[in-house]
Amino acid sequence: MLSMPSVAQIPTYQFPPGVTVARDELLLLAALLVLWATLGRWVYKDAKDRGSEWAWQWGFGTPLAVIAGLDVMLLVVVIYLLLRNSD
């Protein structure tokens, strides 16, 4: 049977206002930030290459949708893929 690590064994980092964050949480946050930044850039570039008049709105609005949640942002990407001009 596998034993779970105790809380004392998980590497953590202390930040000045008294916040303790685990290393895995920081890695997940970094991965989500990379996804957030590259997804908006990709949607903008794709829409502009296809001649869309709404390219900057798609590119700006897609990462902005993460305020409503990561699943909403991914739903916006799916909606974009369904609505874009297929060449």
C-alpha atoms as a PDB file:
ATOM      1  CA  MET A   1       0.000   0.000   0.000  1.00  0.00           C
ATOM      2  CA  LEU A   2       1.311   3.435  -0.933  1.00  0.00           C
ATOM      3  CA  SER A   3       1.633   5.940   1.836  1.00  0.00           C
ATOM      4  CA  MET A   4       0.911   9.601   1.247  1.00  0.00           C
ATOM      5  CA  PRO A   5       3.609  12.104   2.207  1.00  0.00           C
ATOM      6  CA  SER A   6       2.952  14.038   5.349  1.00  0.00           C
ATOM      7  CA  VAL A   7       2.492  17.787   5.194  1.00  0.00           C
ATOM      8  CA  ALA A   8       5.983  18.239   6.645  1.00  0.00           C
ATOM      9  CA  GLN A   9       7.540  16.414   3.649  1.00  0.00           C
ATOM     10  CA  ILE A  10       5.983  18.616   0.932  1.00  0.00           C
ATOM     11  CA  PRO A  11       8.392  21.362  -0.228  1.00  0.00           C
ATOM     12  CA  THR A  12       6.873  24.776   0.409  1.00  0.00           C
ATOM     13  CA  TYR A  13       7.842  28.410  -0.073  1.00  0.00           C
ATOM     14  CA  GLN A  14       7.101  31.307   2.266  1.00  0.00           C
ATOM     15  CA  PHE A  15       6.135  34.678   0.818  1.00  0.00           C
ATOM     16  CA  PRO A  16       6.331  37.974   2.768  1.00  0.00           C
ATOM     17  CA  PRO A  17       2.636  38.494   3.625  1.00  0.00           C
ATOM     18  CA  GLY A  18       2.611  35.114   5.418  1.00  0.00           C
ATOM     19  CA  VAL A  19       1.491  32.975   2.487  1.00  0.00           C
ATOM     20  CA  THR A  20       2.759  29.401   2.214  1.00  0.00           C
ATOM     21  CA  VAL A  21       2.654  27.820  -1.233  1.00  0.00           C
ATOM     22  CA  ALA A  22       3.648  24.288  -2.235  1.00  0.00           C
ATOM     23  CA  ARG A  23       6.095  23.811  -5.104  1.00  0.00           C
ATOM     24  CA  ASP A  24       3.522  21.869  -7.134  1.00  0.00           C
ATOM     25  CA  GLU A  25       1.086  24.777  -6.882  1.00  0.00           C
ATOM     26  CA  LEU A  26       3.727  27.163  -8.239  1.00  0.00           C
ATOM     27  CA  LEU A  27       4.438  24.839 -11.168  1.00  0.00           C
ATOM     28  CA  LEU A  28       0.722  24.587 -11.942  1.00  0.00           C
ATOM     29  CA  LEU A  29       0.360  28.367 -11.784  1.00  0.00           C
ATOM     30  CA  ALA A  30       3.332  28.813 -14.148  1.00  0.00           C
ATOM     31  CA  ALA A  31       1.848  26.311 -16.617  1.00  0.00           C
ATOM     32  CA  LEU A  32      -1.530  28.069 -16.539  1.00  0.00           C
ATOM     33  CA  LEU A  33       0.126  31.456 -17.117  1.00  0.00           C
ATOM     34  CA  VAL A  34       1.950  30.093 -20.159  1.00  0.00           C
ATOM     35  CA  LEU A  35      -1.318  28.617 -21.471  1.00  0.00           C
ATOM     36  CA  TRP A  36      -3.112  31.905 -20.847  1.00  0.00           C
ATOM     37  CA  ALA A  37      -0.515  34.013 -22.652  1.00  0.00           C
ATOM     38  CA  THR A  38       0.057  31.762 -25.650  1.00  0.00           C
ATOM     39  CA  LEU A  39      -3.603  30.960 -26.239  1.00  0.00           C
ATOM     40  CA  GLY A  40      -4.595  34.602 -26.716  1.00  0.00           C
ATOM     41  CA  ARG A  41      -1.635  35.206 -29.016  1.00  0.00           C
ATOM     42  CA  TRP A  42      -2.446  32.114 -31.076  1.00  0.00           C
ATOM     43  CA  VAL A  43      -6.137  33.025 -31.444  1.00  0.00           C
ATOM     44  CA  TYR A  44      -5.228  36.589 -32.486  1.00  0.00           C
ATOM     45  CA  LYS A  45      -2.633  35.434 -35.019  1.00  0.00           C
ATOM     46  CA  ASP A  46      -4.968  32.787 -36.466  1.00  0.00           C
ATOM     47  CA  ALA A  47      -7.876  35.217 -36.777  1.00  0.00           C
ATOM     48  CA  LYS A  48      -5.652  37.868 -38.390  1.00  0.00           C
ATOM     49  CA  ASP A  49      -4.202  35.362 -40.862  1.00  0.00           C
ATOM     50  CA  ARG A  50      -7.733  34.367 -41.872  1.00  0.00           C
ATOM     51  CA  GLY A  51      -8.679  38.011 -42.486  1.00  0.00           C
ATOM     52  CA  SER A  52     -11.093  38.402 -39.593  1.00  0.00           C
ATOM     53  CA  GLU A  53     -12.188  41.944 -38.753  1.00  0.00           C
ATOM     54  CA  TRP A  54     -12.615  40.798 -35.149  1.00  0.00           C
ATOM     55  CA  ALA A  55      -9.057  39.472 -34.694  1.00  0.00           C
ATOM     56  CA  TRP A  56      -8.055  41.719 -31.810  1.00  0.00           C
ATOM     57  CA  GLN A  57     -11.367  41.113 -30.005  1.00  0.00           C
ATOM     58  CA  TRP A  58     -10.845  37.350 -30.219  1.00  0.00           C
ATOM     59  CA  GLY A  59      -7.216  37.674 -29.167  1.00  0.00           C
ATOM     60  CA  PHE A  60      -7.976  39.958 -26.232  1.00  0.00           C
ATOM     61  CA  GLY A  61     -11.247  38.360 -25.173  1.00  0.00           C
ATOM     62  CA  THR A  62     -10.057  34.777 -25.063  1.00  0.00           C
ATOM     63  CA  PRO A  63      -7.528  35.222 -22.241  1.00  0.00           C
ATOM     64  CA  LEU A  64      -9.859  37.708 -20.544  1.00  0.00           C
ATOM     65  CA  ALA A  65     -12.477  34.940 -20.296  1.00  0.00           C
ATOM     66  CA  VAL A  66     -10.250  33.198 -17.724  1.00  0.00           C
ATOM     67  CA  ILE A  67     -11.785  35.591 -15.170  1.00  0.00           C
ATOM     68  CA  ALA A  68     -14.939  33.474 -15.431  1.00  0.00           C
ATOM     69  CA  GLY A  69     -12.880  30.293 -15.134  1.00  0.00           C
ATOM     70  CA  LEU A  70     -10.443  28.154 -17.040  1.00  0.00           C
ATOM     71  CA  ASP A  71     -13.269  26.050 -18.456  1.00  0.00           C
ATOM     72  CA  VAL A  72     -14.972  29.176 -19.844  1.00  0.00           C
ATOM     73  CA  MET A  73     -11.738  30.247 -21.551  1.00  0.00           C
ATOM     74  CA  LEU A  74     -11.408  26.837 -23.178  1.00  0.00           C
ATOM     75  CA  LEU A  75     -15.071  27.015 -24.208  1.00  0.00           C
ATOM     76  CA  VAL A  76     -14.365  30.356 -25.910  1.00  0.00           C
ATOM     77  CA  VAL A  77     -11.543  28.685 -27.866  1.00  0.00           C
ATOM     78  CA  VAL A  78     -13.922  25.916 -28.986  1.00  0.00           C
ATOM     79  CA  ILE A  79     -16.496  28.542 -30.040  1.00  0.00           C
ATOM     80  CA  TYR A  80     -13.787  30.382 -31.979  1.00  0.00           C
ATOM     81  CA  LEU A  81     -12.754  27.185 -33.747  1.00  0.00           C
ATOM     82  CA  LEU A  82     -16.356  26.546 -34.748  1.00  0.00           C
ATOM     83  CA  LEU A  83     -17.027  30.111 -35.969  1.00  0.00           C
ATOM     84  CA  ARG A  84     -13.789  30.924 -37.795  1.00  0.00           C
ATOM     85  CA  ASN A  85     -13.575  30.968 -41.577  1.00  0.00           C
ATOM     86  CA  SER A  86     -12.291  27.661 -42.836  1.00  0.00           C
ATOM     87  CA  ASP A  87      -9.992  28.134 -45.806  1.00  0.00           C
END
